[in-house]
Structures are given as C-alpha cells and as structure tokens.
C-alpha cells in the first residue's frame, strides 16, 4: 500500500487510510477531543476545516499503514524504477 497512482489513492485505499488515520488520531488525542470539538463548532470556516482535517487524516493513515505494513520488495521497486526510466527515455535502453 505504499505506492499510489499519480491521481491519488483509489476509493478503497482512501477509506482504509481514513480509518487508519482516524484510529491513530483517537489513540493519540483522546483526552483533548471534547475541548477541541467545542472550539471547532464555534468556527465559521467549518467546511474548509473539515477538508483540511480529512487530508490530515489521510496523511496520518498513510503513515500508520506504512509503519505497520510489510515493506515493498526491494528488487520489485528497482524493477519498477528501471521500467519507468526505460519508458521515459522512449527506447530499449
């Protein structure tokens, strides 16, 4: 799950990353949730803040999943880089 297409994560991966990020956030910040929610409800930029929070949760989820998942196979990563270079150079180099 460490490699995502250039367009961003797909819907399934996005859901997993959101869930993992949310779980990590809950574990690390349980004590301050009530005060934070009260402050957020008073803000006028709620939708923008919600989008920022979603992006933060996705990033946190990606970090959590990468930390807990098995690392990618080293030779597979090298082969993908070589194939990408070959494609970028446009030849049989």
N, C-alpha and C. Protein backbone atom coordinates (compact mmCIF):
# COMPACT_ATOMS: atom_id res chain seq x y z
N UNK A 1 0.80 -1.19 0.00
CA UNK A 1 0.00 0.00 0.00
C UNK A 1 0.85 1.26 0.00
N UNK A 2 2.16 1.15 -0.14
CA UNK A 2 3.00 2.33 -0.09
C UNK A 2 3.05 3.06 -1.41
N UNK A 3 2.68 2.42 -2.51
CA UNK A 3 2.73 3.06 -3.82
C UNK A 3 1.31 3.39 -4.26
N UNK A 4 1.08 4.65 -4.61
CA UNK A 4 -0.23 5.07 -5.07
C UNK A 4 -0.09 5.66 -6.46
N UNK A 5 -1.13 5.54 -7.30
CA UNK A 5 -1.06 6.14 -8.62
C UNK A 5 -0.97 7.66 -8.51
N UNK A 6 -0.52 8.30 -9.59
CA UNK A 6 -0.33 9.75 -9.57
C UNK A 6 -1.61 10.50 -9.25
N UNK A 7 -2.76 9.95 -9.60
CA UNK A 7 -4.03 10.61 -9.35
C UNK A 7 -4.46 10.57 -7.89
N UNK A 8 -3.73 9.89 -7.05
CA UNK A 8 -4.10 9.78 -5.65
C UNK A 8 -4.63 8.40 -5.35
N UNK A 9 -4.93 8.16 -4.09
CA UNK A 9 -5.43 6.83 -3.72
C UNK A 9 -6.83 6.59 -4.26
N UNK A 10 -7.13 5.31 -4.55
CA UNK A 10 -8.46 4.94 -5.01
C UNK A 10 -9.43 4.98 -3.85
N UNK A 11 -10.72 4.78 -4.12
CA UNK A 11 -11.74 4.87 -3.06
C UNK A 11 -11.52 3.87 -1.93
N UNK A 12 -11.15 2.64 -2.27
CA UNK A 12 -10.93 1.63 -1.22
C UNK A 12 -9.72 1.99 -0.37
N UNK A 13 -8.62 2.34 -1.03
CA UNK A 13 -7.42 2.69 -0.28
C UNK A 13 -7.65 3.97 0.53
N UNK A 14 -8.39 4.90 -0.03
CA UNK A 14 -8.71 6.14 0.67
C UNK A 14 -9.49 5.85 1.95
N UNK A 15 -10.46 4.93 1.87
CA UNK A 15 -11.25 4.56 3.05
C UNK A 15 -10.37 3.91 4.11
N UNK A 16 -9.46 3.03 3.68
CA UNK A 16 -8.55 2.38 4.63
C UNK A 16 -7.64 3.41 5.28
N UNK A 17 -7.11 4.34 4.47
CA UNK A 17 -6.23 5.36 5.01
C UNK A 17 -6.97 6.29 5.97
N UNK A 18 -8.20 6.65 5.62
CA UNK A 18 -9.01 7.47 6.52
C UNK A 18 -9.26 6.76 7.85
N UNK A 19 -9.61 5.48 7.78
CA UNK A 19 -9.88 4.71 9.00
C UNK A 19 -8.62 4.58 9.85
N UNK A 20 -7.49 4.28 9.21
CA UNK A 20 -6.24 4.14 9.95
C UNK A 20 -5.81 5.47 10.57
N UNK A 21 -5.97 6.55 9.82
CA UNK A 21 -5.63 7.87 10.35
C UNK A 21 -6.51 8.26 11.51
N UNK A 22 -7.80 7.98 11.38
CA UNK A 22 -8.74 8.29 12.45
C UNK A 22 -8.42 7.48 13.71
N UNK A 23 -8.13 6.20 13.53
CA UNK A 23 -7.80 5.36 14.68
C UNK A 23 -6.54 5.86 15.38
N UNK A 24 -5.53 6.24 14.60
CA UNK A 24 -4.29 6.75 15.18
C UNK A 24 -4.54 8.06 15.91
N UNK A 25 -5.36 8.90 15.32
CA UNK A 25 -5.68 10.18 15.95
C UNK A 25 -6.41 9.98 17.27
N UNK A 26 -7.37 9.06 17.30
CA UNK A 26 -8.13 8.79 18.51
C UNK A 26 -7.22 8.27 19.62
N UNK A 27 -6.33 7.37 19.27
CA UNK A 27 -5.43 6.80 20.27
C UNK A 27 -4.50 7.87 20.85
N UNK A 28 -4.03 8.79 20.00
CA UNK A 28 -3.05 9.77 20.48
C UNK A 28 -3.67 11.01 21.11
N UNK A 29 -4.98 11.25 20.91
CA UNK A 29 -5.57 12.50 21.39
C UNK A 29 -6.92 12.34 22.07
N UNK A 30 -7.15 11.25 22.77
CA UNK A 30 -8.44 11.00 23.40
C UNK A 30 -8.77 12.07 24.45
N UNK A 31 -7.81 12.51 25.21
CA UNK A 31 -8.07 13.45 26.30
C UNK A 31 -8.55 14.82 25.88
N UNK A 32 -8.17 15.28 24.69
CA UNK A 32 -8.50 16.66 24.30
C UNK A 32 -9.63 16.76 23.29
N UNK A 33 -10.33 15.69 23.03
CA UNK A 33 -11.37 15.70 22.00
C UNK A 33 -12.53 16.62 22.36
N UNK A 34 -13.02 16.59 23.57
CA UNK A 34 -14.19 17.40 23.94
C UNK A 34 -13.92 18.89 23.78
N UNK A 35 -12.80 19.36 24.28
CA UNK A 35 -12.45 20.77 24.14
C UNK A 35 -12.25 21.18 22.70
N UNK A 36 -11.63 20.33 21.93
CA UNK A 36 -11.39 20.62 20.52
C UNK A 36 -12.70 20.72 19.75
N UNK A 37 -13.63 19.82 20.01
CA UNK A 37 -14.93 19.83 19.32
C UNK A 37 -15.67 21.12 19.63
N UNK A 38 -15.67 21.56 20.87
CA UNK A 38 -16.34 22.81 21.23
C UNK A 38 -15.74 23.99 20.47
N UNK A 39 -14.44 24.03 20.35
CA UNK A 39 -13.78 25.11 19.62
C UNK A 39 -14.13 25.05 18.13
N UNK A 40 -14.18 23.85 17.57
CA UNK A 40 -14.48 23.71 16.15
C UNK A 40 -15.90 24.12 15.82
N UNK A 41 -16.84 23.85 16.72
CA UNK A 41 -18.24 24.20 16.47
C UNK A 41 -18.45 25.71 16.43
N UNK A 42 -17.58 26.46 17.06
CA UNK A 42 -17.70 27.91 17.08
C UNK A 42 -17.10 28.57 15.84
N UNK A 43 -16.37 27.84 15.05
CA UNK A 43 -15.68 28.41 13.89
C UNK A 43 -16.63 28.59 12.72
N UNK A 44 -16.37 29.59 11.89
CA UNK A 44 -17.21 29.86 10.72
C UNK A 44 -16.68 29.16 9.46
N UNK A 45 -15.45 28.69 9.49
CA UNK A 45 -14.86 28.04 8.32
C UNK A 45 -14.92 26.52 8.44
N UNK A 46 -16.07 26.01 8.86
CA UNK A 46 -16.25 24.57 9.10
C UNK A 46 -15.96 23.68 7.91
N UNK A 47 -16.55 23.95 6.72
CA UNK A 47 -16.29 23.06 5.57
C UNK A 47 -14.82 23.02 5.17
N UNK A 48 -14.17 24.18 5.18
CA UNK A 48 -12.74 24.21 4.83
C UNK A 48 -11.92 23.46 5.87
N UNK A 49 -12.28 23.64 7.11
CA UNK A 49 -11.60 22.95 8.20
C UNK A 49 -11.81 21.44 8.10
N UNK A 50 -13.01 21.02 7.70
CA UNK A 50 -13.30 19.59 7.54
C UNK A 50 -12.46 19.00 6.41
N UNK A 51 -12.30 19.74 5.30
CA UNK A 51 -11.45 19.25 4.20
C UNK A 51 -10.01 19.11 4.66
N UNK A 52 -9.51 20.11 5.39
CA UNK A 52 -8.15 20.03 5.90
C UNK A 52 -7.99 18.85 6.85
N UNK A 53 -8.99 18.64 7.70
CA UNK A 53 -8.93 17.52 8.64
C UNK A 53 -8.92 16.19 7.89
N UNK A 54 -9.72 16.09 6.82
CA UNK A 54 -9.74 14.86 6.04
C UNK A 54 -8.37 14.60 5.41
N UNK A 55 -7.75 15.63 4.86
CA UNK A 55 -6.42 15.46 4.27
C UNK A 55 -5.40 15.06 5.33
N UNK A 56 -5.49 15.66 6.51
CA UNK A 56 -4.59 15.29 7.60
C UNK A 56 -4.79 13.84 8.02
N UNK A 57 -6.06 13.42 8.09
CA UNK A 57 -6.34 12.03 8.48
C UNK A 57 -5.83 11.05 7.44
N UNK A 58 -5.96 11.40 6.16
CA UNK A 58 -5.44 10.53 5.10
C UNK A 58 -3.92 10.42 5.22
N UNK A 59 -3.25 11.54 5.44
CA UNK A 59 -1.79 11.51 5.60
C UNK A 59 -1.40 10.69 6.82
N UNK A 60 -2.11 10.88 7.92
CA UNK A 60 -1.83 10.12 9.13
C UNK A 60 -2.08 8.63 8.92
N UNK A 61 -3.16 8.33 8.19
CA UNK A 61 -3.47 6.93 7.88
C UNK A 61 -2.40 6.30 7.02
N UNK A 62 -1.90 7.05 6.03
CA UNK A 62 -0.84 6.53 5.16
C UNK A 62 0.41 6.21 5.98
N UNK A 63 0.76 7.12 6.89
CA UNK A 63 1.93 6.89 7.74
C UNK A 63 1.72 5.67 8.62
N UNK A 64 0.53 5.54 9.20
CA UNK A 64 0.24 4.40 10.07
C UNK A 64 0.28 3.09 9.30
N UNK A 65 -0.36 3.06 8.13
CA UNK A 65 -0.38 1.83 7.32
C UNK A 65 1.04 1.48 6.88
N UNK A 66 1.81 2.47 6.44
CA UNK A 66 3.19 2.21 6.02
C UNK A 66 4.04 1.71 7.18
N UNK A 67 3.78 2.23 8.37
CA UNK A 67 4.55 1.81 9.55
C UNK A 67 4.24 0.35 9.92
N UNK A 68 2.97 -0.05 9.74
CA UNK A 68 2.56 -1.39 10.16
C UNK A 68 2.65 -2.44 9.05
N UNK A 69 2.65 -2.00 7.79
CA UNK A 69 2.66 -2.94 6.67
C UNK A 69 4.08 -3.42 6.39
N UNK A 70 4.16 -4.53 5.69
CA UNK A 70 5.45 -5.05 5.28
C UNK A 70 6.05 -4.11 4.24
N UNK A 71 7.35 -3.90 4.28
CA UNK A 71 7.97 -3.02 3.29
C UNK A 71 7.89 -3.65 1.89
N UNK A 72 7.93 -2.83 0.84
CA UNK A 72 7.87 -3.37 -0.51
C UNK A 72 9.14 -4.16 -0.82
N UNK A 73 9.02 -5.11 -1.72
CA UNK A 73 10.17 -5.92 -2.13
C UNK A 73 11.18 -5.01 -2.83
N UNK A 74 12.42 -5.05 -2.38
CA UNK A 74 13.46 -4.15 -2.88
C UNK A 74 13.68 -4.32 -4.38
N UNK A 75 13.78 -5.56 -4.84
CA UNK A 75 14.02 -5.79 -6.26
C UNK A 75 12.83 -5.37 -7.11
N UNK A 76 11.63 -5.52 -6.59
CA UNK A 76 10.43 -5.08 -7.31
C UNK A 76 10.45 -3.56 -7.49
N UNK A 77 10.84 -2.85 -6.45
CA UNK A 77 10.92 -1.39 -6.53
C UNK A 77 11.97 -0.99 -7.56
N UNK A 78 13.12 -1.63 -7.55
CA UNK A 78 14.16 -1.33 -8.53
C UNK A 78 13.70 -1.62 -9.95
N UNK A 79 12.99 -2.73 -10.14
CA UNK A 79 12.48 -3.08 -11.47
C UNK A 79 11.48 -2.04 -11.95
N UNK A 80 10.62 -1.56 -11.08
CA UNK A 80 9.65 -0.53 -11.47
C UNK A 80 10.35 0.78 -11.86
N UNK A 81 11.37 1.15 -11.10
CA UNK A 81 12.12 2.37 -11.44
C UNK A 81 12.81 2.21 -12.79
N UNK A 82 13.40 1.05 -13.03
CA UNK A 82 14.08 0.81 -14.30
C UNK A 82 13.08 0.85 -15.46
N UNK A 83 11.92 0.25 -15.27
CA UNK A 83 10.89 0.26 -16.32
C UNK A 83 10.41 1.68 -16.58
N UNK A 84 10.24 2.46 -15.54
CA UNK A 84 9.80 3.85 -15.70
C UNK A 84 10.86 4.67 -16.45
N UNK A 85 12.13 4.44 -16.13
CA UNK A 85 13.21 5.14 -16.84
C UNK A 85 13.25 4.75 -18.30
N UNK A 86 13.07 3.45 -18.56
CA UNK A 86 13.07 2.97 -19.94
C UNK A 86 11.92 3.60 -20.73
N UNK A 87 10.75 3.67 -20.11
CA UNK A 87 9.59 4.27 -20.76
C UNK A 87 9.81 5.77 -20.98
N UNK A 88 10.40 6.45 -19.99
CA UNK A 88 10.64 7.89 -20.11
C UNK A 88 11.65 8.21 -21.20
N UNK A 89 12.65 7.35 -21.36
CA UNK A 89 13.66 7.59 -22.40
C UNK A 89 13.13 7.21 -23.78
N UNK A 90 12.03 6.46 -23.81
CA UNK A 90 11.38 6.11 -25.08
C UNK A 90 12.13 5.10 -25.90
N UNK A 91 12.88 4.25 -25.27
CA UNK A 91 13.63 3.28 -26.06
C UNK A 91 13.88 1.98 -25.34
N UNK A 92 14.73 1.20 -25.96
CA UNK A 92 15.09 -0.11 -25.42
C UNK A 92 16.44 -0.03 -24.73
N UNK A 93 16.67 0.98 -23.96
CA UNK A 93 17.97 1.22 -23.33
C UNK A 93 18.36 0.16 -22.38
